[in-house]
Amino acid sequence: YNVLRNQAHDAVQHLLNVKTIFTGVKTHPTGFLDSDKLHRTQKELAAAHTDFQQVQNMLSHNATISAITTFLPQYRTQVTSARAASQVGLDVTDIGQELTSTALVLAPTFRSPLLMDPNAHTPLVTQSMLNLITATVNNMLPRLADISTQTHSMSINALPISAQQRSQVVQLLSILPTMQTDLMQVQNLLGVANWILGVDGPRTFLVQTMDRAELRPTGGFTGQYGELHIDGGRVGPFTLRDISLVEYTNNSPTSGQL
């Protein structure tokens, strides 16, 4: 029991270390693409994966534990829950490794000074990037589905964790369906992302502001309009223009035309 608990504690501690690595990056989102932090995260996730794997192997193949679950059925729930929790840990570390590897590939582009250079012409988003993100999402969804499956075999109260930890686990598991739904939506959008982001060719979108206080068939009165240019993921300078200069002046191209 102590060997198992210590091994599981070490695994969870490695995951908490990842949380510590990224503490404070909410105010600076590019911190998630810091190469040093990502490499440190990879090491922590690899260590956690090894620990969870050892826990699972012991629970599945140790003769003593097998005998306990056979002759002392009151412990079966604990063993089954621990085995399911170890699989959840493996899925979580696999997802983390997948995300970290993808972030390391994308980091040089999105941390480059070219990101903020309005005169840069290098594509910000390429088809290979979209393919990588698509593959990442496709690999994550089965693991999230497996986590959902494992929770049916896991009794949170049977695990040797504190009330605070139990509360955190319940909270994280509760958002699992939302994560799956969001990722499936992303998966669907990625199919047209190359068109929307101007990856396969520049795009120009008409943008209109509409006042709902003056209803129109399209939604509301258009007071301003502008053209949004996107090329390779880069958004060109954007301004809005007064619609009256087109529709209501004497020299308007629409003057006198119903």
C-alpha atoms as a PDB file:
ATOM      1  CA  TYR A   1       0.000   0.000   0.000  1.00  0.00           C
ATOM      2  CA  ASN A   2       2.757   2.438   0.942  1.00  0.00           C
ATOM      3  CA  VAL A   3       4.742   1.634  -2.217  1.00  0.00           C
ATOM      4  CA  LEU A   4       1.677   2.227  -4.373  1.00  0.00           C
ATOM      5  CA  ARG A   5       0.712   5.396  -2.563  1.00  0.00           C
ATOM      6  CA  ASN A   6       4.215   6.864  -2.755  1.00  0.00           C
ATOM      7  CA  GLN A   7       4.459   6.030  -6.466  1.00  0.00           C
ATOM      8  CA  ALA A   8       1.077   7.638  -7.147  1.00  0.00           C
ATOM      9  CA  HIS A   9       2.000  10.662  -5.033  1.00  0.00           C
ATOM     10  CA  ASP A  10       5.183  11.150  -7.056  1.00  0.00           C
ATOM     11  CA  ALA A  11       3.196  10.940 -10.298  1.00  0.00           C
ATOM     12  CA  VAL A  12       0.706  13.561  -9.160  1.00  0.00           C
ATOM     13  CA  GLN A  13       3.515  15.775  -7.864  1.00  0.00           C
ATOM     14  CA  HIS A  14       5.085  15.819 -11.329  1.00  0.00           C
ATOM     15  CA  LEU A  15       1.744  17.027 -12.734  1.00  0.00           C
ATOM     16  CA  LEU A  16       1.569  19.728 -10.056  1.00  0.00           C
ATOM     17  CA  ASN A  17       5.097  20.759 -11.032  1.00  0.00           C
ATOM     18  CA  VAL A  18       3.773  21.458 -14.532  1.00  0.00           C
ATOM     19  CA  LYS A  19       1.159  23.743 -12.995  1.00  0.00           C
ATOM     20  CA  THR A  20       3.924  25.554 -11.118  1.00  0.00           C
ATOM     21  CA  ILE A  21       5.989  25.984 -14.290  1.00  0.00           C
ATOM     22  CA  PHE A  22       3.173  27.941 -15.926  1.00  0.00           C
ATOM     23  CA  THR A  23       2.098  29.926 -12.861  1.00  0.00           C
ATOM     24  CA  GLY A  24       1.468  33.531 -13.844  1.00  0.00           C
ATOM     25  CA  VAL A  25       1.268  33.060 -17.627  1.00  0.00           C
ATOM     26  CA  LYS A  26      -2.435  33.971 -17.678  1.00  0.00           C
ATOM     27  CA  THR A  27      -1.384  37.619 -17.804  1.00  0.00           C
ATOM     28  CA  HIS A  28       1.124  36.835 -20.564  1.00  0.00           C
ATOM     29  CA  PRO A  29      -0.395  34.142 -22.856  1.00  0.00           C
ATOM     30  CA  THR A  30       2.822  33.819 -24.886  1.00  0.00           C
ATOM     31  CA  GLY A  31       4.316  32.280 -21.744  1.00  0.00           C
ATOM     32  CA  PHE A  32       2.657  29.030 -22.812  1.00  0.00           C
ATOM     33  CA  LEU A  33       5.016  29.035 -25.799  1.00  0.00           C
ATOM     34  CA  ASP A  34       8.197  29.580 -23.823  1.00  0.00           C
ATOM     35  CA  SER A  35      10.597  26.879 -25.078  1.00  0.00           C
ATOM     36  CA  ASP A  36      12.376  26.476 -21.745  1.00  0.00           C
ATOM     37  CA  LYS A  37       9.081  25.982 -19.901  1.00  0.00           C
ATOM     38  CA  LEU A  38       7.872  23.553 -22.542  1.00  0.00           C
ATOM     39  CA  HIS A  39      11.035  21.424 -22.305  1.00  0.00           C
ATOM     40  CA  ARG A  40      10.758  21.360 -18.491  1.00  0.00           C
ATOM     41  CA  THR A  41       7.115  20.356 -18.889  1.00  0.00           C
ATOM     42  CA  GLN A  42       8.087  17.475 -21.167  1.00  0.00           C
ATOM     43  CA  LYS A  43      10.441  16.105 -18.492  1.00  0.00           C
ATOM     44  CA  GLU A  44       7.793  16.365 -15.765  1.00  0.00           C
ATOM     45  CA  LEU A  45       5.152  14.690 -17.938  1.00  0.00           C
ATOM     46  CA  ALA A  46       7.538  11.899 -18.902  1.00  0.00           C
ATOM     47  CA  ALA A  47       8.343  11.261 -15.226  1.00  0.00           C
ATOM     48  CA  ALA A  48       4.632  11.301 -14.331  1.00  0.00           C
ATOM     49  CA  HIS A  49       3.866   8.868 -17.141  1.00  0.00           C
ATOM     50  CA  THR A  50       6.529   6.451 -15.886  1.00  0.00           C
ATOM     51  CA  ASP A  51       5.141   6.602 -12.351  1.00  0.00           C
ATOM     52  CA  PHE A  52       1.539   6.064 -13.462  1.00  0.00           C
ATOM     53  CA  GLN A  53       2.659   3.153 -15.639  1.00  0.00           C
ATOM     54  CA  GLN A  54       4.420   1.489 -12.695  1.00  0.00           C
ATOM     55  CA  VAL A  55       1.351   1.972 -10.516  1.00  0.00           C
ATOM     56  CA  GLN A  56      -0.865   0.399 -13.158  1.00  0.00           C
ATOM     57  CA  ASN A  57       1.512  -2.526 -13.687  1.00  0.00           C
ATOM     58  CA  MET A  58       1.614  -3.259  -9.968  1.00  0.00           C
ATOM     59  CA  LEU A  59      -2.177  -3.077  -9.651  1.00  0.00           C
ATOM     60  CA  SER A  60      -2.686  -5.357 -12.653  1.00  0.00           C
ATOM     61  CA  HIS A  61       0.072  -7.935 -12.204  1.00  0.00           C
ATOM     62  CA  ASN A  62       1.062  -8.055  -8.527  1.00  0.00           C
ATOM     63  CA  ALA A  63       0.147 -11.455  -7.044  1.00  0.00           C
ATOM     64  CA  THR A  64      -0.530 -10.031  -3.577  1.00  0.00           C
ATOM     65  CA  ILE A  65      -3.009  -7.470  -4.862  1.00  0.00           C
ATOM     66  CA  SER A  66      -4.674 -10.136  -6.976  1.00  0.00           C
ATOM     67  CA  ALA A  67      -5.080 -12.312  -3.898  1.00  0.00           C
ATOM     68  CA  ILE A  68      -6.473  -9.416  -1.865  1.00  0.00           C
ATOM     69  CA  THR A  69      -9.168  -8.642  -4.421  1.00  0.00           C
ATOM     70  CA  THR A  70     -10.040 -12.329  -4.637  1.00  0.00           C
ATOM     71  CA  PHE A  71     -10.303 -13.124  -0.930  1.00  0.00           C
ATOM     72  CA  LEU A  72     -11.095  -9.671   0.491  1.00  0.00           C
ATOM     73  CA  PRO A  73     -13.818  -8.279  -1.779  1.00  0.00           C
ATOM     74  CA  GLN A  74     -14.228  -5.178   0.423  1.00  0.00           C
ATOM     75  CA  TYR A  75     -10.995  -3.866  -1.134  1.00  0.00           C
ATOM     76  CA  ARG A  76     -12.038  -4.393  -4.753  1.00  0.00           C
ATOM     77  CA  THR A  77     -13.534  -0.907  -5.108  1.00  0.00           C
ATOM     78  CA  GLN A  78     -10.291   0.668  -3.932  1.00  0.00           C
ATOM     79  CA  VAL A  79      -8.151  -1.390  -6.288  1.00  0.00           C
ATOM     80  CA  THR A  80     -10.501  -0.878  -9.239  1.00  0.00           C
ATOM     81  CA  SER A  81     -10.626   2.865  -8.564  1.00  0.00           C
ATOM     82  CA  ALA A  82      -6.853   3.074  -8.254  1.00  0.00           C
ATOM     83  CA  ARG A  83      -6.390   1.172 -11.514  1.00  0.00           C
ATOM     84  CA  ALA A  84      -8.845   3.481 -13.310  1.00  0.00           C
ATOM     85  CA  ALA A  85      -7.153   6.538 -11.793  1.00  0.00           C
ATOM     86  CA  SER A  86      -3.748   5.353 -12.996  1.00  0.00           C
ATOM     87  CA  GLN A  87      -5.142   5.007 -16.539  1.00  0.00           C
ATOM     88  CA  VAL A  88      -6.574   8.516 -16.284  1.00  0.00           C
ATOM     89  CA  GLY A  89      -3.100   9.666 -15.254  1.00  0.00           C
ATOM     90  CA  LEU A  90      -1.590   7.981 -18.315  1.00  0.00           C
ATOM     91  CA  ASP A  91      -4.173   9.608 -20.590  1.00  0.00           C
ATOM     92  CA  VAL A  92      -3.550  13.028 -19.032  1.00  0.00           C
ATOM     93  CA  THR A  93       0.219  12.769 -19.464  1.00  0.00           C
ATOM     94  CA  ASP A  94      -0.216  11.583 -23.063  1.00  0.00           C
ATOM     95  CA  ILE A  95      -2.443  14.584 -23.788  1.00  0.00           C
ATOM     96  CA  GLY A  96       0.093  16.863 -22.115  1.00  0.00           C
ATOM     97  CA  GLN A  97       2.943  15.446 -24.178  1.00  0.00           C
ATOM     98  CA  GLU A  98       0.897  15.848 -27.351  1.00  0.00           C
ATOM     99  CA  LEU A  99       0.128  19.499 -26.580  1.00  0.00           C
ATOM    100  CA  THR A 100       3.704  20.239 -25.520  1.00  0.00           C
ATOM    101  CA  SER A 101       5.192  18.758 -28.687  1.00  0.00           C
ATOM    102  CA  THR A 102       2.795  20.791 -30.832  1.00  0.00           C
ATOM    103  CA  ALA A 103       3.522  23.971 -28.856  1.00  0.00           C
ATOM    104  CA  LEU A 104       7.264  23.500 -29.367  1.00  0.00           C
ATOM    105  CA  VAL A 105       6.752  23.367 -33.125  1.00  0.00           C
ATOM    106  CA  LEU A 106       4.511  26.456 -33.141  1.00  0.00           C
ATOM    107  CA  ALA A 107       6.499  28.468 -30.592  1.00  0.00           C
ATOM    108  CA  PRO A 108       9.155  29.924 -32.943  1.00  0.00           C
ATOM    109  CA  THR A 109       6.471  31.488 -35.160  1.00  0.00           C
ATOM    110  CA  PHE A 110       4.192  32.857 -32.474  1.00  0.00           C
ATOM    111  CA  ARG A 111       6.999  34.215 -30.293  1.00  0.00           C
ATOM    112  CA  SER A 112       8.849  35.759 -33.225  1.00  0.00           C
ATOM    113  CA  PRO A 113       9.099  39.560 -33.609  1.00  0.00           C
ATOM    114  CA  LEU A 114       7.546  38.966 -37.037  1.00  0.00           C
ATOM    115  CA  LEU A 115       4.276  38.272 -35.223  1.00  0.00           C
ATOM    116  CA  MET A 116       3.926  41.968 -34.395  1.00  0.00           C
ATOM    117  CA  ASP A 117       5.590  43.351 -37.533  1.00  0.00           C
ATOM    118  CA  PRO A 118       2.855  44.980 -39.680  1.00  0.00           C
ATOM    119  CA  ASN A 119       5.149  44.902 -42.710  1.00  0.00           C
ATOM    120  CA  ALA A 120       6.001  41.194 -42.455  1.00  0.00           C
ATOM    121  CA  HIS A 121       4.907  39.060 -45.388  1.00  0.00           C
ATOM    122  CA  THR A 122       5.923  35.640 -44.070  1.00  0.00           C
ATOM    123  CA  PRO A 123       2.751  33.531 -43.548  1.00  0.00           C
ATOM    124  CA  LEU A 124       1.757  33.359 -39.908  1.00  0.00           C
ATOM    125  CA  VAL A 125      -0.263  30.176 -40.477  1.00  0.00           C
ATOM    126  CA  THR A 126       0.639  27.457 -42.974  1.00  0.00           C
ATOM    127  CA  GLN A 127      -1.093  24.284 -44.090  1.00  0.00           C
ATOM    128  CA  SER A 128       1.522  22.193 -42.251  1.00  0.00           C
ATOM    129  CA  MET A 129       0.609  24.017 -39.018  1.00  0.00           C
ATOM    130  CA  LEU A 130      -3.070  23.309 -39.556  1.00  0.00           C
ATOM    131  CA  ASN A 131      -2.256  19.659 -40.297  1.00  0.00           C
ATOM    132  CA  LEU A 132      -0.271  19.453 -37.051  1.00  0.00           C
ATOM    133  CA  ILE A 133      -3.094  20.993 -35.008  1.00  0.00           C
ATOM    134  CA  THR A 134      -5.592  18.655 -36.666  1.00  0.00           C
ATOM    135  CA  ALA A 135      -3.451  15.624 -35.805  1.00  0.00           C
ATOM    136  CA  THR A 136      -3.103  16.882 -32.219  1.00  0.00           C
ATOM    137  CA  VAL A 137      -6.861  17.251 -31.790  1.00  0.00           C
ATOM    138  CA  ASN A 138      -7.474  13.847 -33.396  1.00  0.00           C
ATOM    139  CA  ASN A 139      -5.040  12.219 -30.956  1.00  0.00           C
ATOM    140  CA  MET A 140      -6.512  13.991 -27.926  1.00  0.00           C
ATOM    141  CA  LEU A 141     -10.158  13.085 -28.473  1.00  0.00           C
ATOM    142  CA  PRO A 142      -9.783   9.278 -27.973  1.00  0.00           C
ATOM    143  CA  ARG A 143      -7.804   9.876 -24.775  1.00  0.00           C
ATOM    144  CA  LEU A 144     -10.473  12.228 -23.438  1.00  0.00           C
ATOM    145  CA  ALA A 145     -13.066   9.594 -24.307  1.00  0.00           C
ATOM    146  CA  ASP A 146     -11.029   6.992 -22.398  1.00  0.00           C
ATOM    147  CA  ILE A 147     -10.843   9.293 -19.366  1.00  0.00           C
ATOM    148  CA  SER A 148     -14.624   9.577 -19.484  1.00  0.00           C
ATOM    149  CA  THR A 149     -14.888   5.762 -19.655  1.00  0.00           C
ATOM    150  CA  GLN A 150     -12.475   5.267 -16.746  1.00  0.00           C
ATOM    151  CA  THR A 151     -14.471   7.590 -14.489  1.00  0.00           C
ATOM    152  CA  HIS A 152     -17.325   5.071 -14.534  1.00  0.00           C
ATOM    153  CA  SER A 153     -15.015   2.565 -12.799  1.00  0.00           C
ATOM    154  CA  MET A 154     -13.588   5.088 -10.374  1.00  0.00           C
ATOM    155  CA  SER A 155     -14.973   5.926  -6.960  1.00  0.00           C
ATOM    156  CA  ILE A 156     -13.423   9.223  -5.873  1.00  0.00           C
ATOM    157  CA  ASN A 157     -14.159   8.477  -2.210  1.00  0.00           C
ATOM    158  CA  ALA A 158     -12.188   5.223  -2.428  1.00  0.00           C
ATOM    159  CA  LEU A 159      -8.968   6.994  -3.391  1.00  0.00           C
ATOM    160  CA  PRO A 160      -6.482   7.970  -0.650  1.00  0.00           C
ATOM    161  CA  ILE A 161      -6.638  11.706  -1.358  1.00  0.00           C
ATOM    162  CA  SER A 162      -7.561  14.730   0.743  1.00  0.00           C
ATOM    163  CA  ALA A 163     -10.935  16.473   0.653  1.00  0.00           C
ATOM    164  CA  GLN A 164      -9.365  19.396  -1.216  1.00  0.00           C
ATOM    165  CA  GLN A 165      -7.828  17.098  -3.828  1.00  0.00           C
ATOM    166  CA  ARG A 166     -11.108  15.227  -4.148  1.00  0.00           C
ATOM    167  CA  SER A 167     -12.905  18.524  -4.806  1.00  0.00           C
ATOM    168  CA  GLN A 168     -10.390  19.454  -7.516  1.00  0.00           C
ATOM    169  CA  VAL A 169     -10.736  16.075  -9.222  1.00  0.00           C
ATOM    170  CA  VAL A 170     -14.538  16.324  -9.233  1.00  0.00           C
ATOM    171  CA  GLN A 171     -14.327  19.849 -10.658  1.00  0.00           C
ATOM    172  CA  LEU A 172     -11.950  18.798 -13.439  1.00  0.00           C
ATOM    173  CA  LEU A 173     -14.017  15.760 -14.361  1.00  0.00           C
ATOM    174  CA  SER A 174     -17.162  17.893 -14.540  1.00  0.00           C
ATOM    175  CA  ILE A 175     -15.723  19.991 -17.392  1.00  0.00           C
ATOM    176  CA  LEU A 176     -14.664  16.915 -19.383  1.00  0.00           C
ATOM    177  CA  PRO A 177     -17.825  16.832 -21.572  1.00  0.00           C
ATOM    178  CA  THR A 178     -17.355  20.526 -22.401  1.00  0.00           C
ATOM    179  CA  MET A 179     -13.748  19.924 -23.387  1.00  0.00           C
ATOM    180  CA  GLN A 180     -14.777  17.093 -25.684  1.00  0.00           C
ATOM    181  CA  THR A 181     -17.528  19.184 -27.287  1.00  0.00           C
ATOM    182  CA  ASP A 182     -15.205  22.160 -27.802  1.00  0.00           C
ATOM    183  CA  LEU A 183     -12.504  20.009 -29.360  1.00  0.00           C
ATOM    184  CA  MET A 184     -14.990  18.402 -31.738  1.00  0.00           C
ATOM    185  CA  GLN A 185     -16.083  21.882 -32.827  1.00  0.00           C
ATOM    186  CA  VAL A 186     -12.435  22.819 -33.374  1.00  0.00           C
ATOM    187  CA  GLN A 187     -12.002  19.608 -35.368  1.00  0.00           C
ATOM    188  CA  ASN A 188     -14.868  20.630 -37.656  1.00  0.00           C
ATOM    189  CA  LEU A 189     -13.585  24.192 -38.069  1.00  0.00           C
ATOM    190  CA  LEU A 190     -10.077  23.074 -38.964  1.00  0.00           C
ATOM    191  CA  GLY A 191     -11.444  21.685 -42.210  1.00  0.00           C
ATOM    192  CA  VAL A 192     -12.198  25.209 -43.453  1.00  0.00           C
ATOM    193  CA  ALA A 193      -9.543  27.096 -41.472  1.00  0.00           C
ATOM    194  CA  ASN A 194      -7.164  27.257 -44.429  1.00  0.00           C
ATOM    195  CA  TRP A 195      -9.838  29.159 -46.390  1.00  0.00           C
ATOM    196  CA  ILE A 196     -10.916  31.434 -43.518  1.00  0.00           C
ATOM    197  CA  LEU A 197      -7.316  32.311 -42.583  1.00  0.00           C
ATOM    198  CA  GLY A 198      -6.224  32.870 -46.158  1.00  0.00           C
ATOM    199  CA  VAL A 199      -3.717  30.025 -46.106  1.00  0.00           C
ATOM    200  CA  ASP A 200      -4.438  28.866 -49.656  1.00  0.00           C
ATOM    201  CA  GLY A 201      -4.892  32.443 -50.901  1.00  0.00           C
ATOM    202  CA  PRO A 202      -5.666  35.932 -49.540  1.00  0.00           C
ATOM    203  CA  ARG A 203      -9.212  36.642 -48.421  1.00  0.00           C
ATOM    204  CA  THR A 204     -11.204  39.864 -48.105  1.00  0.00           C
ATOM    205  CA  PHE A 205     -14.271  39.979 -45.851  1.00  0.00           C
ATOM    206  CA  LEU A 206     -16.903  42.711 -45.751  1.00  0.00           C
ATOM    207  CA  VAL A 207     -17.517  43.820 -42.164  1.00  0.00           C
ATOM    208  CA  GLN A 208     -20.641  45.801 -41.272  1.00  0.00           C
ATOM    209  CA  THR A 209     -21.758  47.314 -37.979  1.00  0.00           C
ATOM    210  CA  MET A 210     -25.498  46.973 -37.470  1.00  0.00           C
ATOM    211  CA  ASP A 211     -27.741  48.958 -35.120  1.00  0.00           C
ATOM    212  CA  ARG A 212     -30.485  46.716 -33.774  1.00  0.00           C
ATOM    213  CA  ALA A 213     -32.456  49.804 -32.747  1.00  0.00           C
ATOM    214  CA  GLU A 214     -33.120  50.361 -36.477  1.00  0.00           C
ATOM    215  CA  LEU A 215     -34.079  46.932 -37.704  1.00  0.00           C
ATOM    216  CA  ARG A 216     -33.301  45.843 -41.240  1.00  0.00           C
ATOM    217  CA  PRO A 217     -33.745  42.470 -43.000  1.00  0.00           C
ATOM    218  CA  THR A 218     -30.028  41.795 -42.431  1.00  0.00           C
ATOM    219  CA  GLY A 219     -30.226  42.579 -38.717  1.00  0.00           C
ATOM    220  CA  GLY A 220     -29.969  46.329 -38.248  1.00  0.00           C
ATOM    221  CA  PHE A 221     -29.066  49.643 -39.839  1.00  0.00           C
ATOM    222  CA  THR A 222     -25.513  49.592 -41.207  1.00  0.00           C
ATOM    223  CA  GLY A 223     -23.773  52.721 -39.992  1.00  0.00           C
ATOM    224  CA  GLN A 224     -20.218  51.734 -40.890  1.00  0.00           C
ATOM    225  CA  TYR A 225     -18.432  49.195 -43.021  1.00  0.00           C
ATOM    226  CA  GLY A 226     -14.899  48.024 -43.691  1.00  0.00           C
ATOM    227  CA  GLU A 227     -12.827  45.470 -45.567  1.00  0.00           C
ATOM    228  CA  LEU A 228     -10.921  42.892 -43.543  1.00  0.00           C
ATOM    229  CA  HIS A 229      -7.922  41.442 -45.387  1.00  0.00           C
ATOM    230  CA  ILE A 230      -6.392  38.130 -44.225  1.00  0.00           C
ATOM    231  CA  ASP A 231      -3.406  36.510 -45.882  1.00  0.00           C
ATOM    232  CA  GLY A 232      -1.634  33.486 -44.407  1.00  0.00           C
ATOM    233  CA  GLY A 233      -3.206  34.167 -41.032  1.00  0.00           C
ATOM    234  CA  ARG A 234      -2.031  37.779 -40.997  1.00  0.00           C
ATOM    235  CA  VAL A 235      -4.743  40.396 -40.592  1.00  0.00           C
ATOM    236  CA  GLY A 236      -4.130  43.602 -42.492  1.00  0.00           C
ATOM    237  CA  PRO A 237      -4.768  47.099 -41.081  1.00  0.00           C
ATOM    238  CA  PHE A 238      -8.492  47.516 -40.557  1.00  0.00           C
ATOM    239  CA  THR A 239     -10.627  50.657 -40.413  1.00  0.00           C
ATOM    240  CA  LEU A 240     -14.350  51.360 -40.562  1.00  0.00           C
ATOM    241  CA  ARG A 241     -15.860  53.945 -42.935  1.00  0.00           C
ATOM    242  CA  ASP A 242     -19.064  55.920 -42.712  1.00  0.00           C
ATOM    243  CA  ILE A 243     -21.775  54.325 -44.848  1.00  0.00           C
ATOM    244  CA  SER A 244     -23.257  57.739 -45.642  1.00  0.00           C
ATOM    245  CA  LEU A 245     -20.265  58.493 -47.884  1.00  0.00           C
ATOM    246  CA  VAL A 246     -21.490  55.684 -50.123  1.00  0.00           C
ATOM    247  CA  GLU A 247     -25.265  55.853 -49.786  1.00  0.00           C
ATOM    248  CA  TYR A 248     -26.336  59.406 -48.986  1.00  0.00           C
ATOM    249  CA  THR A 249     -24.015  61.949 -50.615  1.00  0.00           C
ATOM    250  CA  ASN A 250     -24.970  63.693 -53.863  1.00  0.00           C
ATOM    251  CA  ASN A 251     -22.118  62.002 -55.744  1.00  0.00           C
ATOM    252  CA  SER A 252     -22.830  58.593 -54.260  1.00  0.00           C
ATOM    253  CA  PRO A 253     -22.750  55.733 -56.811  1.00  0.00           C
ATOM    254  CA  THR A 254     -26.133  54.638 -55.459  1.00  0.00           C
ATOM    255  CA  SER A 255     -27.748  58.079 -55.642  1.00  0.00           C
ATOM    256  CA  GLY A 256     -31.170  57.912 -57.300  1.00  0.00           C
ATOM    257  CA  GLN A 257     -31.070  54.145 -57.640  1.00  0.00           C
ATOM    258  CA  LEU A 258     -33.780  52.177 -55.842  1.00  0.00           C
END
